[in-house]
N, C-alpha and C. Protein backbone atom coordinates (compact mmCIF):
# COMPACT_ATOMS: atom_id res chain seq x y z
N MET A 1 207.39 175.53 -6.72
CA MET A 1 207.73 176.87 -6.24
C MET A 1 208.26 176.83 -4.82
N ALA A 2 207.76 175.88 -4.01
CA ALA A 2 208.26 175.77 -2.64
C ALA A 2 209.73 175.41 -2.63
N VAL A 3 210.15 174.56 -3.58
CA VAL A 3 211.57 174.19 -3.65
C VAL A 3 212.41 175.40 -3.97
N LEU A 4 211.97 176.23 -4.93
CA LEU A 4 212.73 177.42 -5.30
C LEU A 4 212.81 178.41 -4.15
N THR A 5 211.76 178.53 -3.39
CA THR A 5 211.76 179.46 -2.26
C THR A 5 212.85 179.10 -1.27
N ARG A 6 213.11 177.81 -1.12
CA ARG A 6 214.18 177.39 -0.21
C ARG A 6 215.56 177.52 -0.85
N VAL A 7 215.62 177.29 -2.17
CA VAL A 7 216.91 177.27 -2.85
C VAL A 7 217.47 178.66 -3.08
N LEU A 8 216.62 179.62 -3.46
CA LEU A 8 217.08 180.95 -3.84
C LEU A 8 217.94 181.64 -2.80
N PRO A 9 217.53 181.70 -1.52
CA PRO A 9 218.39 182.40 -0.55
C PRO A 9 219.78 181.81 -0.45
N ARG A 10 219.91 180.49 -0.53
CA ARG A 10 221.23 179.87 -0.44
C ARG A 10 222.08 180.21 -1.66
N LEU A 11 221.43 180.29 -2.83
CA LEU A 11 222.18 180.61 -4.03
C LEU A 11 222.75 182.02 -3.98
N TRP A 12 221.96 182.96 -3.50
CA TRP A 12 222.41 184.34 -3.45
C TRP A 12 223.64 184.48 -2.56
N MET A 13 223.76 183.66 -1.51
CA MET A 13 224.91 183.77 -0.61
C MET A 13 226.21 183.47 -1.34
N GLY A 14 226.15 182.59 -2.36
CA GLY A 14 227.36 182.24 -3.08
C GLY A 14 227.65 183.11 -4.27
N VAL A 15 226.70 183.95 -4.67
CA VAL A 15 226.86 184.72 -5.89
C VAL A 15 228.03 185.69 -5.81
N MET A 16 228.10 186.50 -4.75
CA MET A 16 229.11 187.54 -4.69
C MET A 16 230.51 186.95 -4.65
N ALA A 17 230.68 185.82 -4.00
CA ALA A 17 232.00 185.20 -3.95
C ALA A 17 232.46 184.77 -5.32
N ALA A 18 231.51 184.40 -6.19
CA ALA A 18 231.87 183.94 -7.53
C ALA A 18 232.07 185.10 -8.49
N ILE A 19 231.34 186.21 -8.29
CA ILE A 19 231.37 187.31 -9.25
C ILE A 19 232.67 188.07 -9.21
N VAL A 20 233.19 188.35 -8.04
CA VAL A 20 234.33 189.26 -7.91
C VAL A 20 235.52 188.83 -8.74
N PRO A 21 236.01 187.56 -8.64
CA PRO A 21 237.15 187.19 -9.46
C PRO A 21 236.85 187.14 -10.94
N LEU A 22 235.61 186.88 -11.32
CA LEU A 22 235.28 186.77 -12.72
C LEU A 22 235.16 188.13 -13.38
N VAL A 23 234.44 189.06 -12.75
CA VAL A 23 234.24 190.37 -13.33
C VAL A 23 235.57 191.12 -13.41
N ALA A 24 236.50 190.81 -12.50
CA ALA A 24 237.83 191.41 -12.56
C ALA A 24 238.73 190.64 -13.51
N GLY A 25 238.14 189.97 -14.50
CA GLY A 25 238.88 189.07 -15.37
C GLY A 25 240.03 189.71 -16.10
N ALA A 26 239.99 191.04 -16.34
CA ALA A 26 241.08 191.66 -17.07
C ALA A 26 242.39 191.53 -16.33
N ALA A 27 242.35 191.29 -15.03
CA ALA A 27 243.57 191.22 -14.25
C ALA A 27 244.24 189.86 -14.33
N TRP A 28 243.48 188.82 -14.66
CA TRP A 28 244.07 187.50 -14.53
C TRP A 28 245.04 187.15 -15.63
N THR A 29 245.07 187.90 -16.76
CA THR A 29 246.08 187.68 -17.77
C THR A 29 247.17 188.74 -17.71
N GLY A 30 246.96 189.79 -16.91
CA GLY A 30 247.95 190.87 -16.85
C GLY A 30 247.66 191.91 -17.90
N ASP A 31 248.19 193.14 -17.69
CA ASP A 31 247.91 194.24 -18.60
C ASP A 31 248.37 193.94 -20.02
N ALA A 32 249.49 193.26 -20.16
CA ALA A 32 250.02 192.99 -21.49
C ALA A 32 249.10 192.11 -22.30
N ASP A 33 248.29 191.31 -21.64
CA ASP A 33 247.39 190.39 -22.33
C ASP A 33 245.95 190.87 -22.34
N ALA A 34 245.71 192.12 -21.94
CA ALA A 34 244.33 192.60 -21.81
C ALA A 34 243.57 192.50 -23.11
N ASP A 35 244.29 192.65 -24.28
CA ASP A 35 243.59 192.60 -25.54
C ASP A 35 243.11 191.19 -25.86
N ARG A 36 243.65 190.18 -25.15
CA ARG A 36 243.22 188.80 -25.38
C ARG A 36 242.22 188.33 -24.34
N ASP A 37 241.87 189.18 -23.40
CA ASP A 37 240.94 188.79 -22.34
C ASP A 37 239.54 188.65 -22.91
N PRO A 38 238.95 187.44 -22.94
CA PRO A 38 237.62 187.29 -23.54
C PRO A 38 236.53 188.00 -22.78
N THR A 39 236.76 188.35 -21.52
CA THR A 39 235.72 189.05 -20.76
C THR A 39 235.82 190.56 -20.92
N ALA A 40 236.76 191.05 -21.73
CA ALA A 40 236.93 192.50 -21.91
C ALA A 40 235.70 193.14 -22.54
N ILE A 41 234.84 192.33 -23.15
CA ILE A 41 233.61 192.86 -23.74
C ILE A 41 232.77 193.57 -22.69
N PHE A 42 232.92 193.18 -21.41
CA PHE A 42 232.10 193.76 -20.36
C PHE A 42 232.56 195.17 -19.96
N ALA A 43 233.68 195.65 -20.52
CA ALA A 43 234.19 196.97 -20.17
C ALA A 43 233.47 198.07 -20.94
N GLY A 44 232.62 197.74 -21.90
CA GLY A 44 231.94 198.73 -22.71
C GLY A 44 230.80 199.40 -21.96
N PRO A 45 230.10 200.33 -22.64
CA PRO A 45 228.97 201.03 -22.00
C PRO A 45 227.93 200.06 -21.48
N GLN A 46 227.42 200.34 -20.29
CA GLN A 46 226.43 199.46 -19.68
C GLN A 46 225.02 199.85 -20.13
N HIS A 47 224.14 198.88 -20.19
CA HIS A 47 222.75 199.16 -20.53
C HIS A 47 221.85 198.36 -19.60
N ASP A 48 220.59 198.73 -19.58
CA ASP A 48 219.63 197.99 -18.77
C ASP A 48 219.33 196.68 -19.48
N GLY A 49 219.91 195.60 -18.96
CA GLY A 49 219.72 194.31 -19.59
C GLY A 49 218.67 193.45 -18.94
N SER A 50 217.82 194.06 -18.14
CA SER A 50 216.86 193.27 -17.36
C SER A 50 215.85 192.52 -18.22
N HIS A 51 215.69 192.95 -19.48
CA HIS A 51 214.73 192.28 -20.36
C HIS A 51 215.43 191.44 -21.44
N ASP A 52 216.73 191.25 -21.30
CA ASP A 52 217.48 190.56 -22.35
C ASP A 52 217.02 189.12 -22.58
N PHE A 53 216.52 188.48 -21.54
CA PHE A 53 216.07 187.10 -21.68
C PHE A 53 214.57 186.99 -21.89
N ASP A 54 213.89 188.10 -22.12
CA ASP A 54 212.44 188.03 -22.33
C ASP A 54 212.09 187.18 -23.55
N PHE A 55 212.98 187.17 -24.55
CA PHE A 55 212.71 186.38 -25.75
C PHE A 55 212.58 184.89 -25.45
N LEU A 56 213.16 184.46 -24.32
CA LEU A 56 213.24 183.05 -24.00
C LEU A 56 212.01 182.53 -23.25
N ILE A 57 211.21 183.44 -22.70
CA ILE A 57 210.08 183.01 -21.88
C ILE A 57 209.07 182.24 -22.73
N GLY A 58 208.66 181.09 -22.20
CA GLY A 58 207.72 180.24 -22.91
C GLY A 58 208.29 178.85 -23.13
N ASP A 59 207.63 178.08 -23.96
CA ASP A 59 207.98 176.68 -24.18
C ASP A 59 208.63 176.50 -25.55
N TRP A 60 209.69 175.69 -25.57
CA TRP A 60 210.47 175.47 -26.79
C TRP A 60 210.71 173.97 -27.01
N LYS A 61 210.94 173.62 -28.28
CA LYS A 61 211.53 172.33 -28.61
C LYS A 61 213.05 172.50 -28.58
N ALA A 62 213.76 171.50 -28.08
CA ALA A 62 215.22 171.59 -27.97
C ALA A 62 215.88 170.46 -28.75
N HIS A 63 216.87 170.83 -29.56
CA HIS A 63 217.73 169.85 -30.21
C HIS A 63 219.16 170.12 -29.74
N VAL A 64 219.79 169.10 -29.16
CA VAL A 64 221.10 169.26 -28.54
C VAL A 64 222.13 168.38 -29.22
N ARG A 65 223.32 168.94 -29.42
CA ARG A 65 224.50 168.17 -29.79
C ARG A 65 225.51 168.32 -28.65
N ARG A 66 225.96 167.20 -28.11
CA ARG A 66 226.84 167.21 -26.93
C ARG A 66 228.12 166.43 -27.21
N LEU A 67 229.26 167.02 -26.83
CA LEU A 67 230.56 166.37 -26.96
C LEU A 67 230.97 165.88 -25.57
N PRO A 68 230.79 164.61 -25.27
CA PRO A 68 231.08 164.11 -23.91
C PRO A 68 232.56 164.18 -23.54
N ASP A 69 233.46 163.83 -24.49
CA ASP A 69 234.90 163.82 -24.23
C ASP A 69 235.49 165.14 -24.72
N ARG A 70 235.95 165.94 -23.76
CA ARG A 70 236.29 167.33 -24.07
C ARG A 70 237.79 167.59 -23.94
N LEU A 71 238.29 168.46 -24.81
CA LEU A 71 239.69 168.89 -24.81
C LEU A 71 240.66 167.74 -25.03
N ASP A 72 240.22 166.73 -25.79
CA ASP A 72 241.12 165.62 -26.11
C ASP A 72 241.06 165.26 -27.59
N GLY A 73 240.52 166.18 -28.42
CA GLY A 73 240.46 165.96 -29.85
C GLY A 73 239.29 165.10 -30.32
N SER A 74 238.37 164.78 -29.44
CA SER A 74 237.23 163.94 -29.80
C SER A 74 236.27 164.67 -30.74
N HIS A 75 235.68 163.92 -31.65
CA HIS A 75 234.63 164.45 -32.53
C HIS A 75 233.39 163.57 -32.45
N ALA A 76 233.25 162.81 -31.37
CA ALA A 76 232.13 161.89 -31.19
C ALA A 76 230.99 162.62 -30.48
N TRP A 77 230.12 163.23 -31.25
CA TRP A 77 228.99 163.98 -30.71
C TRP A 77 227.80 163.06 -30.49
N VAL A 78 226.99 163.39 -29.48
CA VAL A 78 225.74 162.70 -29.20
C VAL A 78 224.60 163.69 -29.39
N GLU A 79 223.53 163.27 -30.06
CA GLU A 79 222.41 164.17 -30.33
C GLU A 79 221.19 163.79 -29.49
N TYR A 80 220.46 164.82 -29.09
CA TYR A 80 219.29 164.65 -28.22
C TYR A 80 218.16 165.54 -28.72
N ASP A 81 216.92 165.16 -28.36
CA ASP A 81 215.75 166.00 -28.61
C ASP A 81 214.87 166.00 -27.37
N GLY A 82 214.20 167.15 -27.17
CA GLY A 82 213.31 167.24 -26.01
C GLY A 82 212.73 168.63 -25.89
N ILE A 83 212.63 169.11 -24.65
CA ILE A 83 211.96 170.39 -24.38
C ILE A 83 212.84 171.30 -23.52
N SER A 84 212.57 172.60 -23.64
CA SER A 84 213.21 173.61 -22.81
C SER A 84 212.17 174.68 -22.53
N ASN A 85 211.64 174.70 -21.30
CA ASN A 85 210.54 175.59 -20.94
C ASN A 85 211.01 176.62 -19.92
N HIS A 86 210.66 177.90 -20.15
CA HIS A 86 211.19 179.01 -19.35
C HIS A 86 210.05 179.86 -18.81
N HIS A 87 210.16 180.21 -17.51
CA HIS A 87 209.08 180.96 -16.86
C HIS A 87 209.67 182.02 -15.94
N LYS A 88 209.02 183.18 -15.90
CA LYS A 88 209.42 184.26 -14.98
C LYS A 88 209.11 183.83 -13.55
N LEU A 89 209.88 184.42 -12.60
CA LEU A 89 209.71 184.08 -11.19
C LEU A 89 209.22 185.28 -10.38
N LEU A 90 208.08 185.12 -9.72
CA LEU A 90 207.62 186.03 -8.68
C LEU A 90 207.62 187.49 -9.11
N ASP A 91 207.18 187.79 -10.33
CA ASP A 91 207.09 189.16 -10.82
C ASP A 91 208.44 189.87 -10.77
N THR A 92 209.51 189.14 -11.09
CA THR A 92 210.86 189.73 -11.15
C THR A 92 211.42 189.49 -12.55
N HIS A 93 212.68 189.92 -12.76
CA HIS A 93 213.34 189.66 -14.04
C HIS A 93 213.96 188.27 -14.06
N ALA A 94 214.02 187.60 -12.91
CA ALA A 94 214.59 186.25 -12.86
C ALA A 94 213.71 185.28 -13.62
N ASN A 95 214.33 184.25 -14.18
CA ASN A 95 213.56 183.22 -14.85
C ASN A 95 214.15 181.85 -14.56
N PHE A 96 213.34 180.82 -14.77
CA PHE A 96 213.69 179.45 -14.42
C PHE A 96 213.39 178.55 -15.60
N GLU A 97 214.34 177.69 -15.94
CA GLU A 97 214.18 176.77 -17.06
C GLU A 97 214.05 175.33 -16.59
N GLN A 98 213.13 174.62 -17.19
CA GLN A 98 213.01 173.17 -17.04
C GLN A 98 213.43 172.55 -18.37
N PHE A 99 214.45 171.70 -18.31
CA PHE A 99 215.10 171.19 -19.51
C PHE A 99 215.13 169.67 -19.45
N GLU A 100 214.73 169.02 -20.55
CA GLU A 100 214.73 167.56 -20.57
C GLU A 100 214.88 167.08 -22.01
N VAL A 101 215.93 166.29 -22.27
CA VAL A 101 216.17 165.77 -23.62
C VAL A 101 216.60 164.31 -23.53
N THR A 102 216.37 163.58 -24.63
CA THR A 102 216.73 162.16 -24.72
C THR A 102 217.50 161.94 -26.01
N SER A 103 218.53 161.09 -25.95
CA SER A 103 219.35 160.82 -27.12
C SER A 103 218.55 160.07 -28.18
N ALA A 104 219.05 160.14 -29.42
CA ALA A 104 218.34 159.53 -30.53
C ALA A 104 218.16 158.03 -30.35
N ASP A 105 219.13 157.37 -29.69
CA ASP A 105 219.02 155.92 -29.46
C ASP A 105 218.27 155.57 -28.18
N LYS A 106 217.75 156.61 -27.49
CA LYS A 106 216.94 156.46 -26.28
C LYS A 106 217.75 155.94 -25.08
N LYS A 107 219.07 155.87 -25.19
CA LYS A 107 219.89 155.32 -24.11
C LYS A 107 220.38 156.39 -23.13
N GLN A 108 220.37 157.65 -23.53
CA GLN A 108 220.86 158.72 -22.65
C GLN A 108 219.76 159.76 -22.45
N HIS A 109 219.65 160.20 -21.22
CA HIS A 109 218.60 161.14 -20.84
C HIS A 109 219.22 162.24 -19.98
N ILE A 110 218.95 163.50 -20.32
CA ILE A 110 219.47 164.63 -19.56
C ILE A 110 218.28 165.45 -19.06
N LYS A 111 218.25 165.65 -17.76
CA LYS A 111 217.20 166.46 -17.13
C LYS A 111 217.90 167.49 -16.24
N ALA A 112 217.58 168.76 -16.42
CA ALA A 112 218.27 169.80 -15.65
C ALA A 112 217.38 171.02 -15.51
N GLN A 113 217.82 171.95 -14.66
CA GLN A 113 217.12 173.20 -14.46
C GLN A 113 218.15 174.33 -14.49
N THR A 114 217.71 175.51 -14.89
CA THR A 114 218.58 176.68 -14.94
C THR A 114 217.88 177.85 -14.28
N LEU A 115 218.60 178.55 -13.43
CA LEU A 115 218.10 179.76 -12.77
C LEU A 115 218.93 180.94 -13.25
N ARG A 116 218.26 181.97 -13.78
CA ARG A 116 218.93 183.19 -14.24
C ARG A 116 218.41 184.38 -13.44
N MET A 117 219.35 185.16 -12.89
CA MET A 117 218.97 186.33 -12.08
C MET A 117 219.75 187.55 -12.56
N TYR A 118 219.08 188.70 -12.62
CA TYR A 118 219.69 189.94 -13.13
C TYR A 118 220.07 190.85 -11.97
N ASN A 119 221.31 191.38 -12.02
CA ASN A 119 221.78 192.33 -11.02
C ASN A 119 221.78 193.73 -11.63
N PRO A 120 220.86 194.61 -11.23
CA PRO A 120 220.77 195.94 -11.84
C PRO A 120 221.97 196.83 -11.52
N ASP A 121 222.73 196.52 -10.49
CA ASP A 121 223.90 197.32 -10.16
C ASP A 121 225.09 197.03 -11.08
N THR A 122 225.29 195.77 -11.42
CA THR A 122 226.39 195.40 -12.31
C THR A 122 225.96 195.28 -13.76
N HIS A 123 224.64 195.31 -14.01
CA HIS A 123 224.07 195.13 -15.35
C HIS A 123 224.43 193.77 -15.92
N GLN A 124 224.58 192.78 -15.06
CA GLN A 124 224.95 191.45 -15.51
C GLN A 124 223.97 190.40 -14.99
N TRP A 125 223.95 189.30 -15.73
CA TRP A 125 223.16 188.14 -15.35
C TRP A 125 224.03 187.12 -14.64
N ILE A 126 223.47 186.48 -13.64
CA ILE A 126 224.13 185.41 -12.90
C ILE A 126 223.30 184.15 -13.18
N ILE A 127 223.95 183.11 -13.73
CA ILE A 127 223.22 181.94 -14.21
C ILE A 127 223.73 180.69 -13.50
N TYR A 128 222.80 179.97 -12.91
CA TYR A 128 223.10 178.72 -12.23
C TYR A 128 222.45 177.56 -12.95
N GLY A 129 223.22 176.50 -13.21
CA GLY A 129 222.65 175.23 -13.59
C GLY A 129 222.36 174.44 -12.33
N LEU A 130 221.19 173.81 -12.26
CA LEU A 130 220.76 173.10 -11.05
C LEU A 130 220.36 171.67 -11.40
N ASP A 131 220.48 170.80 -10.42
CA ASP A 131 219.86 169.48 -10.50
C ASP A 131 219.05 169.33 -9.23
N LEU A 132 217.77 169.68 -9.31
CA LEU A 132 216.93 169.69 -8.12
C LEU A 132 216.67 168.28 -7.60
N ASP A 133 216.71 167.28 -8.49
CA ASP A 133 216.51 165.90 -8.03
C ASP A 133 217.65 165.46 -7.11
N LYS A 134 218.88 165.89 -7.44
CA LYS A 134 220.05 165.51 -6.64
C LYS A 134 220.44 166.59 -5.62
N GLY A 135 219.83 167.77 -5.72
CA GLY A 135 220.20 168.86 -4.83
C GLY A 135 221.59 169.37 -5.09
N GLU A 136 221.99 169.45 -6.39
CA GLU A 136 223.35 169.83 -6.74
C GLU A 136 223.36 171.02 -7.70
N LEU A 137 224.45 171.79 -7.66
CA LEU A 137 224.70 172.83 -8.65
C LEU A 137 225.61 172.27 -9.73
N ASP A 138 225.41 172.74 -10.96
CA ASP A 138 226.32 172.42 -12.05
C ASP A 138 227.72 172.89 -11.65
N PRO A 139 228.77 172.07 -11.87
CA PRO A 139 230.12 172.51 -11.51
C PRO A 139 230.58 173.74 -12.27
N ALA A 140 229.92 174.05 -13.39
CA ALA A 140 230.26 175.25 -14.15
C ALA A 140 229.44 176.46 -13.71
N ALA A 141 228.76 176.38 -12.58
CA ALA A 141 227.91 177.48 -12.11
C ALA A 141 228.58 178.23 -10.97
N PRO A 142 228.31 179.57 -10.87
CA PRO A 142 227.52 180.32 -11.82
C PRO A 142 228.38 180.85 -12.97
N VAL A 143 227.73 181.11 -14.10
CA VAL A 143 228.37 181.88 -15.14
C VAL A 143 227.80 183.28 -15.07
N VAL A 144 228.63 184.27 -15.39
CA VAL A 144 228.23 185.67 -15.24
C VAL A 144 228.51 186.41 -16.54
N GLY A 145 227.58 187.25 -16.96
CA GLY A 145 227.81 188.02 -18.17
C GLY A 145 226.60 188.83 -18.59
N GLN A 146 226.55 189.20 -19.85
CA GLN A 146 225.50 190.08 -20.33
C GLN A 146 225.38 190.00 -21.84
N PHE A 147 224.36 190.68 -22.36
CA PHE A 147 224.15 190.76 -23.79
C PHE A 147 224.73 192.05 -24.34
N HIS A 148 225.25 191.96 -25.55
CA HIS A 148 225.63 193.13 -26.34
C HIS A 148 224.93 192.97 -27.68
N GLY A 149 223.86 193.74 -27.86
CA GLY A 149 223.05 193.56 -29.04
C GLY A 149 222.34 192.23 -28.99
N ASN A 150 222.46 191.45 -30.06
CA ASN A 150 221.76 190.17 -30.17
C ASN A 150 222.66 189.00 -29.81
N ARG A 151 223.68 189.27 -29.00
CA ARG A 151 224.66 188.23 -28.64
C ARG A 151 224.91 188.29 -27.13
N GLY A 152 224.71 187.17 -26.47
CA GLY A 152 224.96 187.10 -25.03
C GLY A 152 226.21 186.27 -24.76
N GLU A 153 227.07 186.75 -23.83
CA GLU A 153 228.28 186.02 -23.47
C GLU A 153 228.37 185.94 -21.95
N PHE A 154 228.66 184.73 -21.46
CA PHE A 154 228.67 184.45 -20.02
C PHE A 154 229.85 183.54 -19.72
N TYR A 155 230.60 183.84 -18.63
CA TYR A 155 231.86 183.16 -18.37
C TYR A 155 231.97 182.65 -16.94
N ASN A 156 232.78 181.62 -16.79
CA ASN A 156 233.23 181.15 -15.49
C ASN A 156 234.46 180.29 -15.71
N ARG A 157 235.12 179.89 -14.60
CA ARG A 157 236.23 178.94 -14.67
C ARG A 157 235.87 177.71 -13.85
N ILE A 158 236.29 176.54 -14.34
CA ILE A 158 236.12 175.30 -13.59
C ILE A 158 237.40 174.47 -13.72
N THR A 159 237.49 173.43 -12.92
CA THR A 159 238.56 172.46 -13.08
C THR A 159 238.00 171.27 -13.84
N TRP A 160 238.64 170.93 -14.97
CA TRP A 160 238.20 169.84 -15.81
C TRP A 160 239.37 168.87 -16.02
N ASN A 161 239.21 167.65 -15.54
CA ASN A 161 240.26 166.64 -15.66
C ASN A 161 241.62 167.15 -15.16
N GLY A 162 241.56 167.84 -14.03
CA GLY A 162 242.78 168.26 -13.37
C GLY A 162 243.36 169.58 -13.83
N ARG A 163 242.74 170.27 -14.79
CA ARG A 163 243.27 171.57 -15.22
C ARG A 163 242.16 172.61 -15.23
N VAL A 164 242.56 173.85 -14.99
CA VAL A 164 241.60 174.95 -14.94
C VAL A 164 241.26 175.36 -16.37
N VAL A 165 239.96 175.42 -16.66
CA VAL A 165 239.51 175.84 -17.98
C VAL A 165 238.53 177.00 -17.84
N LEU A 166 238.50 177.84 -18.84
CA LEU A 166 237.52 178.91 -18.91
C LEU A 166 236.29 178.38 -19.62
N VAL A 167 235.12 178.66 -19.06
CA VAL A 167 233.84 178.22 -19.63
C VAL A 167 233.14 179.44 -20.22
N ARG A 168 232.59 179.27 -21.41
CA ARG A 168 231.83 180.35 -22.04
C ARG A 168 230.49 179.81 -22.53
N TRP A 169 229.41 180.49 -22.14
CA TRP A 169 228.09 180.24 -22.70
C TRP A 169 227.76 181.39 -23.64
N MET A 170 227.29 181.08 -24.83
CA MET A 170 226.93 182.13 -25.79
C MET A 170 225.52 181.90 -26.31
N TRP A 171 224.74 182.99 -26.38
CA TRP A 171 223.42 182.96 -27.01
C TRP A 171 223.54 183.67 -28.35
N LEU A 172 223.06 182.99 -29.42
CA LEU A 172 223.20 183.46 -30.79
C LEU A 172 221.90 183.21 -31.56
N ASN A 173 221.81 183.85 -32.74
CA ASN A 173 220.70 183.60 -33.68
C ASN A 173 219.34 183.75 -33.00
N ILE A 174 219.20 184.79 -32.21
CA ILE A 174 217.98 184.98 -31.42
C ILE A 174 216.86 185.57 -32.27
N SER A 175 215.69 184.97 -32.18
CA SER A 175 214.49 185.50 -32.83
C SER A 175 213.28 185.02 -32.03
N PRO A 176 212.08 185.50 -32.35
CA PRO A 176 210.90 185.02 -31.61
C PRO A 176 210.66 183.53 -31.76
N HIS A 177 211.24 182.91 -32.79
CA HIS A 177 210.92 181.51 -33.07
C HIS A 177 212.13 180.59 -33.02
N ALA A 178 213.33 181.12 -32.75
CA ALA A 178 214.52 180.27 -32.73
C ALA A 178 215.62 180.95 -31.93
N ALA A 179 216.51 180.13 -31.37
CA ALA A 179 217.68 180.63 -30.65
C ALA A 179 218.69 179.49 -30.55
N ARG A 180 219.94 179.85 -30.30
CA ARG A 180 221.01 178.87 -30.22
C ARG A 180 221.90 179.20 -29.03
N MET A 181 222.19 178.20 -28.20
CA MET A 181 223.10 178.38 -27.08
C MET A 181 224.27 177.41 -27.24
N GLU A 182 225.50 177.94 -27.10
CA GLU A 182 226.70 177.12 -27.20
C GLU A 182 227.51 177.22 -25.91
N GLN A 183 228.02 176.09 -25.45
CA GLN A 183 228.99 176.08 -24.36
C GLN A 183 230.34 175.67 -24.92
N SER A 184 231.39 176.39 -24.53
CA SER A 184 232.74 176.10 -24.98
C SER A 184 233.69 176.09 -23.80
N PHE A 185 234.78 175.32 -23.93
CA PHE A 185 235.86 175.31 -22.96
C PHE A 185 237.13 175.87 -23.61
N SER A 186 237.90 176.63 -22.83
CA SER A 186 239.21 177.09 -23.27
C SER A 186 240.24 176.71 -22.21
N PRO A 187 241.28 175.94 -22.58
CA PRO A 187 242.31 175.57 -21.61
C PRO A 187 243.45 176.59 -21.53
N ASP A 188 243.37 177.65 -22.38
CA ASP A 188 244.49 178.59 -22.46
C ASP A 188 244.05 180.05 -22.27
N GLY A 189 243.08 180.27 -21.39
CA GLY A 189 242.68 181.63 -21.05
C GLY A 189 241.92 182.36 -22.11
N GLY A 190 241.30 181.65 -23.06
CA GLY A 190 240.47 182.30 -24.06
C GLY A 190 241.11 182.46 -25.42
N ARG A 191 242.34 181.96 -25.60
CA ARG A 191 242.96 182.04 -26.92
C ARG A 191 242.32 181.07 -27.90
N ASN A 192 242.00 179.89 -27.42
CA ASN A 192 241.37 178.86 -28.25
C ASN A 192 240.17 178.28 -27.51
N TRP A 193 239.12 177.96 -28.28
CA TRP A 193 237.89 177.46 -27.69
C TRP A 193 237.47 176.17 -28.38
N GLU A 194 236.94 175.24 -27.59
CA GLU A 194 236.33 174.04 -28.13
C GLU A 194 234.86 174.02 -27.73
N VAL A 195 233.98 174.04 -28.71
CA VAL A 195 232.54 173.95 -28.43
C VAL A 195 232.22 172.51 -28.04
N ASN A 196 231.49 172.33 -26.93
CA ASN A 196 231.13 170.98 -26.49
C ASN A 196 229.64 170.78 -26.26
N TRP A 197 228.86 171.83 -26.47
CA TRP A 197 227.40 171.73 -26.25
C TRP A 197 226.73 172.75 -27.16
N ILE A 198 225.82 172.29 -28.01
CA ILE A 198 225.05 173.17 -28.87
C ILE A 198 223.58 172.84 -28.67
N CYS A 199 222.82 173.83 -28.24
CA CYS A 199 221.39 173.64 -28.04
C CYS A 199 220.65 174.60 -28.96
N GLU A 200 219.88 174.03 -29.87
CA GLU A 200 219.09 174.84 -30.80
C GLU A 200 217.62 174.75 -30.41
N LEU A 201 217.03 175.90 -30.15
CA LEU A 201 215.65 175.98 -29.71
C LEU A 201 214.75 176.43 -30.85
N SER A 202 213.54 175.90 -30.89
CA SER A 202 212.56 176.31 -31.89
C SER A 202 211.17 176.23 -31.28
N ARG A 203 210.28 177.08 -31.75
CA ARG A 203 208.89 177.08 -31.26
C ARG A 203 208.08 176.04 -32.02
């Protein structure tokens, strides 16, 4: 908890700089392409989403399929198993994940943390991937978005192998005992997507 107390204030300083260009996503393709803007879902009626991640609180088993080589036609997936544990922070809506999985051949190990914070003014979640051991943020952080019904969508842009790609995190198949999170990259502004990370959680 002492580490988080130091990390949180620094993270908040970078949040607003990242949100403004993303939430204004309808502008980056132009009016003529607004119907193809994947972030246009956020233009609908707003709701209090502060409890949208309550289903995730607690301890889960995690099964991951990861595509290491992305946007080059690869189909060589690597599978992992491990844990994904989620806890509320300081009597707020924010939550923190401790994630650790190992590949089936025991040669690859992924350890990471995720911080999710809710903004009641924008009705959106701001999500950071962290590596507390290295003191680094995930290059795809933060992603910003919200839930519509039983489906959560969160977006950001990153540079991948020299080109700008749109990143999408999606939460699907949510229930008290199971959930699925997918990460996808789009090199063409959301027209086409390649899934590169599938995490299936179970109690």
